[in-house]
């Protein structure tokens, strides 16, 4: 058998599932399940950026936390650098924690208001156990400089900073343990547009300088297109379209991806085409009906779409689409 020449991805998830029980009644019996993530396959090569987009409630953040094992998957496998992390205990995961970090969405709630910036970053620096206290202080100043903040702010508290500055502190904290993979959970959604551009450029600069790999979760499709190499479009726990970012943006195939792309605002008045939102309501992830999860809003739906789950179909241009009608 000929060996594959494709390099091992830094991160790979196969068939990841996470269901949350819905309990009712005095005895709190399980009445059903919220299928937040329902059989997701993704992979990210070293030094690459995978953009993950979709409507609120589709399972993006849950997937990010499953990858970091902040939540335990109900099914599926998670691989990091070829190592299977799925069944590792909390103690066994400690050696991987420093290699996998997260930047949270809320720059205000993600920092401890009782800790100075220096103490916050020092928590990670101390884990490396490389140098003494004096060297750690120099490392903290170096990290602050890397994210565009002066080193003399280490003695200040989070409430003394703006939202954009707090997010830079969050990035410095993630970098403090010298990770390989960073999950960016909507890191710019709470910031002004001008600050968003600064943070995105900073993330790209750090990716190139430190050879980082990102899973970039966001709502803003323009931001995701700018930063990502590959794109995964998520809807109610399923990946609907997956492949090179430029290819999907140039010619989306799945009906849901087309709707998302058509909804992207164009800055020039009168330059865009009319957007016709899909008919029907967004279905609930609570006990969804069999078949394609987009069936209630899809203009191409047929009886076959309602009978059984639709598989991923490969295309000639290197992507995968969960729709049998567009191949």
C-alpha atoms as a PDB file:
ATOM      1  CA  UNK A   1       0.000   0.000   0.000  1.00  0.00           C
ATOM      2  CA  UNK A   2       1.369   3.421  -0.961  1.00  0.00           C
ATOM      3  CA  UNK A   3       1.776   5.802   1.962  1.00  0.00           C
ATOM      4  CA  UNK A   4       0.010   9.126   1.890  1.00  0.00           C
ATOM      5  CA  UNK A   5       2.311  12.097   1.336  1.00  0.00           C
ATOM      6  CA  UNK A   6      -0.105  14.457   3.065  1.00  0.00           C
ATOM      7  CA  UNK A   7       1.450  15.782   6.312  1.00  0.00           C
ATOM      8  CA  UNK A   8      -0.194  14.993   9.628  1.00  0.00           C
ATOM      9  CA  UNK A   9      -2.540  17.863  10.563  1.00  0.00           C
ATOM     10  CA  UNK A  10      -1.905  19.629  13.834  1.00  0.00           C
ATOM     11  CA  UNK A  11      -5.546  19.157  14.812  1.00  0.00           C
ATOM     12  CA  UNK A  12      -8.044  16.605  13.591  1.00  0.00           C
ATOM     13  CA  UNK A  13     -11.562  15.881  14.840  1.00  0.00           C
ATOM     14  CA  UNK A  14     -13.503  12.853  13.583  1.00  0.00           C
ATOM     15  CA  UNK A  15     -17.241  12.507  14.146  1.00  0.00           C
ATOM     16  CA  UNK A  16     -17.376  14.757  17.211  1.00  0.00           C
ATOM     17  CA  UNK A  17     -20.756  14.803  18.968  1.00  0.00           C
ATOM     18  CA  UNK A  18     -22.052  16.658  21.997  1.00  0.00           C
ATOM     19  CA  UNK A  19     -25.653  16.320  23.183  1.00  0.00           C
ATOM     20  CA  UNK A  20     -27.058  18.214  26.167  1.00  0.00           C
ATOM     21  CA  UNK A  21     -30.026  16.656  28.029  1.00  0.00           C
ATOM     22  CA  UNK A  22     -33.297  18.551  28.455  1.00  0.00           C
ATOM     23  CA  UNK A  23     -34.802  17.671  31.837  1.00  0.00           C
ATOM     24  CA  UNK A  24     -38.406  18.262  32.836  1.00  0.00           C
ATOM     25  CA  UNK A  25     -40.781  17.579  35.682  1.00  0.00           C
ATOM     26  CA  UNK A  26     -40.338  17.277  39.419  1.00  0.00           C
ATOM     27  CA  UNK A  27     -37.989  14.312  39.041  1.00  0.00           C
ATOM     28  CA  UNK A  28     -35.996  16.079  36.304  1.00  0.00           C
ATOM     29  CA  UNK A  29     -36.257  13.206  33.864  1.00  0.00           C
ATOM     30  CA  UNK A  30     -34.575  13.546  30.496  1.00  0.00           C
ATOM     31  CA  UNK A  31     -37.237  14.504  27.953  1.00  0.00           C
ATOM     32  CA  UNK A  32     -34.934  14.960  24.962  1.00  0.00           C
ATOM     33  CA  UNK A  33     -31.544  16.105  23.752  1.00  0.00           C
ATOM     34  CA  UNK A  34     -30.075  19.312  22.359  1.00  0.00           C
ATOM     35  CA  UNK A  35     -27.780  18.163  19.560  1.00  0.00           C
ATOM     36  CA  UNK A  36     -25.270  21.006  19.777  1.00  0.00           C
ATOM     37  CA  UNK A  37     -22.536  19.253  17.767  1.00  0.00           C
ATOM     38  CA  UNK A  38     -23.683  16.301  15.714  1.00  0.00           C
ATOM     39  CA  UNK A  39     -20.882  14.434  13.972  1.00  0.00           C
ATOM     40  CA  UNK A  40     -18.343  17.095  12.945  1.00  0.00           C
ATOM     41  CA  UNK A  41     -15.129  16.347  11.032  1.00  0.00           C
ATOM     42  CA  UNK A  42     -12.459  19.039  10.721  1.00  0.00           C
ATOM     43  CA  UNK A  43      -8.693  19.250  10.409  1.00  0.00           C
ATOM     44  CA  UNK A  44      -6.193  22.112  10.555  1.00  0.00           C
ATOM     45  CA  UNK A  45      -2.686  21.926   9.134  1.00  0.00           C
ATOM     46  CA  UNK A  46       0.266  23.412  10.986  1.00  0.00           C
ATOM     47  CA  UNK A  47       0.484  27.160  10.492  1.00  0.00           C
ATOM     48  CA  UNK A  48      -2.978  27.347   8.885  1.00  0.00           C
ATOM     49  CA  UNK A  49      -6.146  29.183   9.886  1.00  0.00           C
ATOM     50  CA  UNK A  50      -9.536  27.464   9.716  1.00  0.00           C
ATOM     51  CA  UNK A  51     -12.478  29.868   9.797  1.00  0.00           C
ATOM     52  CA  UNK A  52     -15.686  28.560  11.391  1.00  0.00           C
ATOM     53  CA  UNK A  53     -18.866  30.487  10.600  1.00  0.00           C
ATOM     54  CA  UNK A  54     -22.586  30.056  11.124  1.00  0.00           C
ATOM     55  CA  UNK A  55     -25.616  31.582  12.809  1.00  0.00           C
ATOM     56  CA  UNK A  56     -25.866  32.014  16.575  1.00  0.00           C
ATOM     57  CA  UNK A  57     -26.672  28.725  18.270  1.00  0.00           C
ATOM     58  CA  UNK A  58     -25.239  26.526  15.517  1.00  0.00           C
ATOM     59  CA  UNK A  59     -22.606  24.995  17.846  1.00  0.00           C
ATOM     60  CA  UNK A  60     -19.442  26.921  16.912  1.00  0.00           C
ATOM     61  CA  UNK A  61     -18.339  27.760  20.457  1.00  0.00           C
ATOM     62  CA  UNK A  62     -19.261  24.285  21.719  1.00  0.00           C
ATOM     63  CA  UNK A  63     -17.083  22.747  19.013  1.00  0.00           C
ATOM     64  CA  UNK A  64     -14.165  24.992  19.984  1.00  0.00           C
ATOM     65  CA  UNK A  65     -14.433  23.939  23.613  1.00  0.00           C
ATOM     66  CA  UNK A  66     -14.721  20.276  22.680  1.00  0.00           C
ATOM     67  CA  UNK A  67     -11.492  20.524  20.691  1.00  0.00           C
ATOM     68  CA  UNK A  68      -9.718  21.912  23.765  1.00  0.00           C
ATOM     69  CA  UNK A  69     -11.468  19.313  25.944  1.00  0.00           C
ATOM     70  CA  UNK A  70     -13.014  22.014  28.080  1.00  0.00           C
ATOM     71  CA  UNK A  71     -16.101  19.927  27.334  1.00  0.00           C
ATOM     72  CA  UNK A  72     -15.995  16.144  26.959  1.00  0.00           C
ATOM     73  CA  UNK A  73     -17.359  14.803  23.640  1.00  0.00           C
ATOM     74  CA  UNK A  74     -20.089  12.162  23.722  1.00  0.00           C
ATOM     75  CA  UNK A  75     -18.667  10.473  20.636  1.00  0.00           C
ATOM     76  CA  UNK A  76     -15.870  10.879  18.092  1.00  0.00           C
ATOM     77  CA  UNK A  77     -12.111  11.267  18.320  1.00  0.00           C
ATOM     78  CA  UNK A  78      -9.806  14.288  18.776  1.00  0.00           C
ATOM     79  CA  UNK A  79      -6.189  14.155  17.580  1.00  0.00           C
ATOM     80  CA  UNK A  80      -3.458  16.692  18.266  1.00  0.00           C
ATOM     81  CA  UNK A  81      -0.146  16.246  16.453  1.00  0.00           C
ATOM     82  CA  UNK A  82      -1.217  12.676  15.801  1.00  0.00           C
ATOM     83  CA  UNK A  83      -1.907  11.928  19.494  1.00  0.00           C
ATOM     84  CA  UNK A  84      -5.420  10.793  20.460  1.00  0.00           C
ATOM     85  CA  UNK A  85      -6.698  13.090  23.225  1.00  0.00           C
ATOM     86  CA  UNK A  86     -10.232  11.751  23.423  1.00  0.00           C
ATOM     87  CA  UNK A  87      -9.955   9.430  26.419  1.00  0.00           C
ATOM     88  CA  UNK A  88      -7.234  11.268  28.331  1.00  0.00           C
ATOM     89  CA  UNK A  89      -7.971  12.163  31.930  1.00  0.00           C
ATOM     90  CA  UNK A  90      -7.700  15.690  33.313  1.00  0.00           C
ATOM     91  CA  UNK A  91      -4.247  14.861  34.704  1.00  0.00           C
ATOM     92  CA  UNK A  92      -3.070  13.343  31.422  1.00  0.00           C
ATOM     93  CA  UNK A  93      -4.270  16.420  29.527  1.00  0.00           C
ATOM     94  CA  UNK A  94      -1.987  18.758  31.486  1.00  0.00           C
ATOM     95  CA  UNK A  95       0.937  18.164  29.153  1.00  0.00           C
ATOM     96  CA  UNK A  96      -1.235  19.268  26.208  1.00  0.00           C
ATOM     97  CA  UNK A  97      -2.883  22.283  27.862  1.00  0.00           C
ATOM     98  CA  UNK A  98       0.066  24.557  27.202  1.00  0.00           C
ATOM     99  CA  UNK A  99       0.037  23.598  23.518  1.00  0.00           C
ATOM    100  CA  UNK A 100      -3.667  24.453  23.076  1.00  0.00           C
ATOM    101  CA  UNK A 101      -5.003  27.831  24.212  1.00  0.00           C
ATOM    102  CA  UNK A 102      -8.101  29.983  23.724  1.00  0.00           C
ATOM    103  CA  UNK A 103      -8.873  33.682  23.251  1.00  0.00           C
ATOM    104  CA  UNK A 104     -12.346  34.403  24.594  1.00  0.00           C
ATOM    105  CA  UNK A 105     -15.031  36.584  23.036  1.00  0.00           C
ATOM    106  CA  UNK A 106     -15.587  38.901  25.993  1.00  0.00           C
ATOM    107  CA  UNK A 107     -12.489  41.005  26.755  1.00  0.00           C
ATOM    108  CA  UNK A 108     -14.169  42.301  29.919  1.00  0.00           C
ATOM    109  CA  UNK A 109     -15.306  39.051  31.534  1.00  0.00           C
ATOM    110  CA  UNK A 110     -12.280  36.943  30.584  1.00  0.00           C
ATOM    111  CA  UNK A 111      -9.821  38.761  32.880  1.00  0.00           C
ATOM    112  CA  UNK A 112      -9.783  38.564  36.671  1.00  0.00           C
ATOM    113  CA  UNK A 113     -10.476  42.124  37.907  1.00  0.00           C
ATOM    114  CA  UNK A 114      -8.528  41.462  41.124  1.00  0.00           C
ATOM    115  CA  UNK A 115      -5.307  40.502  39.375  1.00  0.00           C
ATOM    116  CA  UNK A 116      -2.865  42.875  37.735  1.00  0.00           C
ATOM    117  CA  UNK A 117      -2.001  42.369  34.086  1.00  0.00           C
ATOM    118  CA  UNK A 118       1.444  41.123  35.084  1.00  0.00           C
ATOM    119  CA  UNK A 119       0.050  38.526  37.499  1.00  0.00           C
ATOM    120  CA  UNK A 120      -2.446  37.346  34.899  1.00  0.00           C
ATOM    121  CA  UNK A 121       0.257  36.696  32.315  1.00  0.00           C
ATOM    122  CA  UNK A 122       2.693  35.367  34.922  1.00  0.00           C
ATOM    123  CA  UNK A 123       0.330  32.462  35.668  1.00  0.00           C
ATOM    124  CA  UNK A 124       1.205  31.035  32.261  1.00  0.00           C
ATOM    125  CA  UNK A 125       4.863  32.030  32.254  1.00  0.00           C
ATOM    126  CA  UNK A 126       5.451  30.209  35.557  1.00  0.00           C
ATOM    127  CA  UNK A 127       4.182  26.941  34.063  1.00  0.00           C
ATOM    128  CA  UNK A 128       7.131  26.809  31.688  1.00  0.00           C
ATOM    129  CA  UNK A 129       9.527  26.635  34.678  1.00  0.00           C
ATOM    130  CA  UNK A 130      12.383  28.006  32.603  1.00  0.00           C
ATOM    131  CA  UNK A 131      13.652  30.966  34.589  1.00  0.00           C
ATOM    132  CA  UNK A 132      13.512  32.764  37.900  1.00  0.00           C
ATOM    133  CA  UNK A 133      11.341  35.700  38.935  1.00  0.00           C
ATOM    134  CA  UNK A 134      13.501  38.378  37.276  1.00  0.00           C
ATOM    135  CA  UNK A 135      13.476  36.541  33.968  1.00  0.00           C
ATOM    136  CA  UNK A 136       9.709  36.060  34.219  1.00  0.00           C
ATOM    137  CA  UNK A 137       9.238  39.823  34.566  1.00  0.00           C
ATOM    138  CA  UNK A 138      11.274  40.366  31.420  1.00  0.00           C
ATOM    139  CA  UNK A 139       9.195  37.732  29.628  1.00  0.00           C
ATOM    140  CA  UNK A 140       5.968  39.482  30.675  1.00  0.00           C
ATOM    141  CA  UNK A 141       7.262  42.781  29.265  1.00  0.00           C
ATOM    142  CA  UNK A 142       8.253  40.975  26.066  1.00  0.00           C
ATOM    143  CA  UNK A 143       4.768  39.456  25.682  1.00  0.00           C
ATOM    144  CA  UNK A 144       3.100  42.818  26.273  1.00  0.00           C
ATOM    145  CA  UNK A 145       5.353  44.369  23.644  1.00  0.00           C
ATOM    146  CA  UNK A 146       4.467  41.580  21.192  1.00  0.00           C
ATOM    147  CA  UNK A 147       0.769  42.466  21.441  1.00  0.00           C
ATOM    148  CA  UNK A 148       1.362  46.214  21.170  1.00  0.00           C
ATOM    149  CA  UNK A 149       1.292  47.296  24.819  1.00  0.00           C
ATOM    150  CA  UNK A 150       4.084  48.994  26.798  1.00  0.00           C
ATOM    151  CA  UNK A 151       5.798  46.856  29.398  1.00  0.00           C
ATOM    152  CA  UNK A 152       5.099  49.360  32.203  1.00  0.00           C
ATOM    153  CA  UNK A 153       1.367  48.481  32.236  1.00  0.00           C
ATOM    154  CA  UNK A 154       2.057  45.163  33.992  1.00  0.00           C
ATOM    155  CA  UNK A 155       1.148  46.671  37.385  1.00  0.00           C
ATOM    156  CA  UNK A 156      -2.226  47.985  36.228  1.00  0.00           C
ATOM    157  CA  UNK A 157      -5.635  46.307  36.590  1.00  0.00           C
ATOM    158  CA  UNK A 158      -8.050  45.298  33.791  1.00  0.00           C
ATOM    159  CA  UNK A 159     -10.548  48.097  34.512  1.00  0.00           C
ATOM    160  CA  UNK A 160      -7.901  50.631  33.505  1.00  0.00           C
ATOM    161  CA  UNK A 161      -7.894  49.444  29.891  1.00  0.00           C
ATOM    162  CA  UNK A 162     -10.195  49.748  26.894  1.00  0.00           C
ATOM    163  CA  UNK A 163     -11.845  46.731  25.250  1.00  0.00           C
ATOM    164  CA  UNK A 164      -9.232  46.487  22.522  1.00  0.00           C
ATOM    165  CA  UNK A 165      -6.397  46.698  25.056  1.00  0.00           C
ATOM    166  CA  UNK A 166      -8.016  44.006  27.193  1.00  0.00           C
ATOM    167  CA  UNK A 167      -8.219  41.718  24.194  1.00  0.00           C
ATOM    168  CA  UNK A 168      -4.503  42.287  23.585  1.00  0.00           C
ATOM    169  CA  UNK A 169      -3.912  41.248  27.206  1.00  0.00           C
ATOM    170  CA  UNK A 170      -5.985  38.113  26.565  1.00  0.00           C
ATOM    171  CA  UNK A 171      -3.803  37.334  23.557  1.00  0.00           C
ATOM    172  CA  UNK A 172      -0.635  37.857  25.631  1.00  0.00           C
ATOM    173  CA  UNK A 173      -2.015  35.488  28.267  1.00  0.00           C
ATOM    174  CA  UNK A 174      -2.649  32.829  25.612  1.00  0.00           C
ATOM    175  CA  UNK A 175       0.888  33.270  24.277  1.00  0.00           C
ATOM    176  CA  UNK A 176       2.461  33.035  27.737  1.00  0.00           C
ATOM    177  CA  UNK A 177       2.674  29.214  27.592  1.00  0.00           C
ATOM    178  CA  UNK A 178       4.064  29.174  24.020  1.00  0.00           C
ATOM    179  CA  UNK A 179       1.164  27.244  22.401  1.00  0.00           C
ATOM    180  CA  UNK A 180       0.947  25.760  18.925  1.00  0.00           C
ATOM    181  CA  UNK A 181      -2.851  26.002  18.520  1.00  0.00           C
ATOM    182  CA  UNK A 182      -5.107  28.881  19.565  1.00  0.00           C
ATOM    183  CA  UNK A 183      -8.902  28.741  19.392  1.00  0.00           C
ATOM    184  CA  UNK A 184     -10.091  32.297  18.709  1.00  0.00           C
ATOM    185  CA  UNK A 185     -13.704  32.326  19.929  1.00  0.00           C
ATOM    186  CA  UNK A 186     -15.129  35.437  18.230  1.00  0.00           C
ATOM    187  CA  UNK A 187     -12.199  37.555  19.462  1.00  0.00           C
ATOM    188  CA  UNK A 188     -13.276  40.753  17.658  1.00  0.00           C
ATOM    189  CA  UNK A 189     -17.083  40.657  17.810  1.00  0.00           C
ATOM    190  CA  UNK A 190     -17.244  42.914  20.906  1.00  0.00           C
ATOM    191  CA  UNK A 191     -14.867  45.537  19.486  1.00  0.00           C
ATOM    192  CA  UNK A 192     -15.247  48.609  17.296  1.00  0.00           C
ATOM    193  CA  UNK A 193     -14.552  48.114  13.595  1.00  0.00           C
ATOM    194  CA  UNK A 194     -11.264  50.037  13.618  1.00  0.00           C
ATOM    195  CA  UNK A 195     -10.061  48.025  16.630  1.00  0.00           C
ATOM    196  CA  UNK A 196     -11.168  44.797  14.955  1.00  0.00           C
ATOM    197  CA  UNK A 197      -8.779  45.489  12.078  1.00  0.00           C
ATOM    198  CA  UNK A 198      -5.902  46.059  14.510  1.00  0.00           C
ATOM    199  CA  UNK A 199      -6.541  42.790  16.345  1.00  0.00           C
ATOM    200  CA  UNK A 200      -6.882  40.803  13.110  1.00  0.00           C
ATOM    201  CA  UNK A 201      -3.587  42.210  11.796  1.00  0.00           C
ATOM    202  CA  UNK A 202      -1.966  41.413  15.144  1.00  0.00           C
ATOM    203  CA  UNK A 203      -3.171  37.792  14.993  1.00  0.00           C
ATOM    204  CA  UNK A 204      -1.805  37.402  11.470  1.00  0.00           C
ATOM    205  CA  UNK A 205       1.519  38.931  12.495  1.00  0.00           C
ATOM    206  CA  UNK A 206       1.820  36.576  15.473  1.00  0.00           C
ATOM    207  CA  UNK A 207       0.867  33.592  13.303  1.00  0.00           C
ATOM    208  CA  UNK A 208       3.752  34.352  10.935  1.00  0.00           C
ATOM    209  CA  UNK A 209       6.302  35.168  13.640  1.00  0.00           C
ATOM    210  CA  UNK A 210       5.484  32.341  16.067  1.00  0.00           C
ATOM    211  CA  UNK A 211       4.247  29.721  13.534  1.00  0.00           C
ATOM    212  CA  UNK A 212       0.847  29.503  15.231  1.00  0.00           C
ATOM    213  CA  UNK A 213      -2.268  27.654  14.091  1.00  0.00           C
ATOM    214  CA  UNK A 214      -5.760  29.116  14.593  1.00  0.00           C
ATOM    215  CA  UNK A 215      -9.325  27.908  14.716  1.00  0.00           C
ATOM    216  CA  UNK A 216     -11.029  31.261  14.099  1.00  0.00           C
ATOM    217  CA  UNK A 217     -14.704  31.371  15.113  1.00  0.00           C
ATOM    218  CA  UNK A 218     -16.676  34.425  14.007  1.00  0.00           C
ATOM    219  CA  UNK A 219     -19.944  35.842  12.670  1.00  0.00           C
ATOM    220  CA  UNK A 220     -18.410  38.446  10.381  1.00  0.00           C
ATOM    221  CA  UNK A 221     -17.883  36.736   7.022  1.00  0.00           C
ATOM    222  CA  UNK A 222     -15.672  39.531   5.698  1.00  0.00           C
ATOM    223  CA  UNK A 223     -13.300  39.121   8.650  1.00  0.00           C
ATOM    224  CA  UNK A 224     -13.212  35.336   8.246  1.00  0.00           C
ATOM    225  CA  UNK A 225     -12.490  35.626   4.521  1.00  0.00           C
ATOM    226  CA  UNK A 226      -9.615  38.003   5.213  1.00  0.00           C
ATOM    227  CA  UNK A 227      -7.922  35.853   7.844  1.00  0.00           C
ATOM    228  CA  UNK A 228      -8.676  32.218   6.993  1.00  0.00           C
ATOM    229  CA  UNK A 229      -7.046  29.681   4.684  1.00  0.00           C
ATOM    230  CA  UNK A 230      -9.927  27.201   4.904  1.00  0.00           C
ATOM    231  CA  UNK A 231     -13.570  27.661   5.805  1.00  0.00           C
ATOM    232  CA  UNK A 232     -16.165  25.503   7.562  1.00  0.00           C
ATOM    233  CA  UNK A 233     -19.816  26.579   7.403  1.00  0.00           C
ATOM    234  CA  UNK A 234     -21.833  25.237  10.354  1.00  0.00           C
ATOM    235  CA  UNK A 235     -25.592  24.889  10.760  1.00  0.00           C
ATOM    236  CA  UNK A 236     -27.346  23.270  13.748  1.00  0.00           C
ATOM    237  CA  UNK A 237     -24.410  21.083  14.712  1.00  0.00           C
ATOM    238  CA  UNK A 238     -23.457  20.010  11.171  1.00  0.00           C
ATOM    239  CA  UNK A 239     -20.754  21.265   8.824  1.00  0.00           C
ATOM    240  CA  UNK A 240     -22.581  22.112   5.598  1.00  0.00           C
ATOM    241  CA  UNK A 241     -19.639  23.161   3.410  1.00  0.00           C
ATOM    242  CA  UNK A 242     -15.906  22.793   3.970  1.00  0.00           C
ATOM    243  CA  UNK A 243     -12.904  23.719   1.864  1.00  0.00           C
ATOM    244  CA  UNK A 244     -10.520  26.471   0.741  1.00  0.00           C
ATOM    245  CA  UNK A 245     -11.802  29.860   1.849  1.00  0.00           C
ATOM    246  CA  UNK A 246     -11.254  31.652  -1.476  1.00  0.00           C
ATOM    247  CA  UNK A 247     -13.034  28.879  -3.389  1.00  0.00           C
ATOM    248  CA  UNK A 248     -16.129  28.933  -1.178  1.00  0.00           C
ATOM    249  CA  UNK A 249     -16.386  32.729  -1.184  1.00  0.00           C
ATOM    250  CA  UNK A 250     -15.988  32.855  -4.974  1.00  0.00           C
ATOM    251  CA  UNK A 251     -18.632  30.189  -5.698  1.00  0.00           C
ATOM    252  CA  UNK A 252     -20.584  28.826  -2.709  1.00  0.00           C
ATOM    253  CA  UNK A 253     -22.406  25.554  -3.411  1.00  0.00           C
ATOM    254  CA  UNK A 254     -24.606  24.708  -0.440  1.00  0.00           C
ATOM    255  CA  UNK A 255     -27.887  26.681  -0.327  1.00  0.00           C
ATOM    256  CA  UNK A 256     -27.142  27.771   3.242  1.00  0.00           C
ATOM    257  CA  UNK A 257     -23.670  29.018   2.303  1.00  0.00           C
ATOM    258  CA  UNK A 258     -25.197  30.990  -0.570  1.00  0.00           C
ATOM    259  CA  UNK A 259     -27.626  32.648   1.853  1.00  0.00           C
ATOM    260  CA  UNK A 260     -24.781  33.605   4.209  1.00  0.00           C
ATOM    261  CA  UNK A 261     -22.707  35.057   1.391  1.00  0.00           C
ATOM    262  CA  UNK A 262     -25.663  37.004   0.000  1.00  0.00           C
ATOM    263  CA  UNK A 263     -26.206  38.558   3.435  1.00  0.00           C
ATOM    264  CA  UNK A 264     -22.718  40.103   3.539  1.00  0.00           C
ATOM    265  CA  UNK A 265     -23.219  43.901   3.579  1.00  0.00           C
ATOM    266  CA  UNK A 266     -21.612  45.917   0.783  1.00  0.00           C
ATOM    267  CA  UNK A 267     -20.201  49.307   1.868  1.00  0.00           C
ATOM    268  CA  UNK A 268     -21.255  51.168  -1.293  1.00  0.00           C
ATOM    269  CA  UNK A 269     -24.945  52.166  -1.370  1.00  0.00           C
ATOM    270  CA  UNK A 270     -26.719  50.757  -4.403  1.00  0.00           C
ATOM    271  CA  UNK A 271     -23.809  48.513  -5.361  1.00  0.00           C
ATOM    272  CA  UNK A 272     -25.232  45.330  -3.911  1.00  0.00           C
ATOM    273  CA  UNK A 273     -27.987  43.022  -5.052  1.00  0.00           C
ATOM    274  CA  UNK A 274     -31.216  42.518  -3.150  1.00  0.00           C
ATOM    275  CA  UNK A 275     -31.064  39.981  -0.340  1.00  0.00           C
ATOM    276  CA  UNK A 276     -34.001  37.598  -0.102  1.00  0.00           C
ATOM    277  CA  UNK A 277     -33.959  35.837   3.278  1.00  0.00           C
ATOM    278  CA  UNK A 278     -35.009  32.171   3.285  1.00  0.00           C
ATOM    279  CA  UNK A 279     -38.555  31.250   4.134  1.00  0.00           C
ATOM    280  CA  UNK A 280     -39.367  29.298   7.282  1.00  0.00           C
ATOM    281  CA  UNK A 281     -38.123  29.477  10.850  1.00  0.00           C
ATOM    282  CA  UNK A 282     -34.773  28.285  12.149  1.00  0.00           C
ATOM    283  CA  UNK A 283     -35.426  24.791  13.545  1.00  0.00           C
ATOM    284  CA  UNK A 284     -34.503  23.927  17.097  1.00  0.00           C
ATOM    285  CA  UNK A 285     -31.556  21.632  17.878  1.00  0.00           C
ATOM    286  CA  UNK A 286     -33.886  19.935  20.382  1.00  0.00           C
ATOM    287  CA  UNK A 287     -34.846  16.578  18.875  1.00  0.00           C
ATOM    288  CA  UNK A 288     -34.540  17.741  15.225  1.00  0.00           C
ATOM    289  CA  UNK A 289     -36.436  15.830  12.523  1.00  0.00           C
ATOM    290  CA  UNK A 290     -34.631  13.188  10.430  1.00  0.00           C
ATOM    291  CA  UNK A 291     -32.915  14.229   7.229  1.00  0.00           C
ATOM    292  CA  UNK A 292     -31.061  17.378   6.297  1.00  0.00           C
ATOM    293  CA  UNK A 293     -31.162  19.978   9.053  1.00  0.00           C
ATOM    294  CA  UNK A 294     -31.616  22.761   6.520  1.00  0.00           C
ATOM    295  CA  UNK A 295     -34.694  21.130   4.955  1.00  0.00           C
ATOM    296  CA  UNK A 296     -37.201  23.585   6.450  1.00  0.00           C
ATOM    297  CA  UNK A 297     -35.567  26.620   4.794  1.00  0.00           C
ATOM    298  CA  UNK A 298     -33.975  25.127   1.672  1.00  0.00           C
ATOM    299  CA  UNK A 299     -35.330  26.131  -1.765  1.00  0.00           C
ATOM    300  CA  UNK A 300     -34.046  22.828  -3.246  1.00  0.00           C
ATOM    301  CA  UNK A 301     -35.618  20.469  -0.706  1.00  0.00           C
ATOM    302  CA  UNK A 302     -37.112  17.156  -1.903  1.00  0.00           C
ATOM    303  CA  UNK A 303     -38.539  14.084  -0.182  1.00  0.00           C
ATOM    304  CA  UNK A 304     -35.127  12.431  -0.124  1.00  0.00           C
ATOM    305  CA  UNK A 305     -33.784  15.328   1.958  1.00  0.00           C
ATOM    306  CA  UNK A 306     -36.362  14.582   4.674  1.00  0.00           C
ATOM    307  CA  UNK A 307     -35.793  10.842   4.885  1.00  0.00           C
ATOM    308  CA  UNK A 308     -32.213  10.367   6.052  1.00  0.00           C
ATOM    309  CA  UNK A 309     -29.091  12.323   6.957  1.00  0.00           C
ATOM    310  CA  UNK A 310     -27.185  13.754   4.001  1.00  0.00           C
ATOM    311  CA  UNK A 311     -23.550  12.712   3.637  1.00  0.00           C
ATOM    312  CA  UNK A 312     -20.529  14.877   2.813  1.00  0.00           C
ATOM    313  CA  UNK A 313     -19.849  14.818  -0.926  1.00  0.00           C
ATOM    314  CA  UNK A 314     -16.388  15.724  -2.312  1.00  0.00           C
ATOM    315  CA  UNK A 315     -16.154  18.150  -5.226  1.00  0.00           C
ATOM    316  CA  UNK A 316     -13.616  18.501  -8.006  1.00  0.00           C
ATOM    317  CA  UNK A 317     -12.201  21.728  -6.537  1.00  0.00           C
ATOM    318  CA  UNK A 318     -11.161  20.253  -3.182  1.00  0.00           C
ATOM    319  CA  UNK A 319     -14.114  20.954  -0.913  1.00  0.00           C
ATOM    320  CA  UNK A 320     -16.924  18.980   0.689  1.00  0.00           C
ATOM    321  CA  UNK A 321     -20.635  19.793   0.603  1.00  0.00           C
ATOM    322  CA  UNK A 322     -23.474  18.249   2.623  1.00  0.00           C
ATOM    323  CA  UNK A 323     -25.973  18.363  -0.231  1.00  0.00           C
ATOM    324  CA  UNK A 324     -26.544  15.768  -2.939  1.00  0.00           C
ATOM    325  CA  UNK A 325     -28.260  18.214  -5.325  1.00  0.00           C
ATOM    326  CA  UNK A 326     -25.413  20.664  -5.941  1.00  0.00           C
ATOM    327  CA  UNK A 327     -22.630  18.231  -6.918  1.00  0.00           C
END
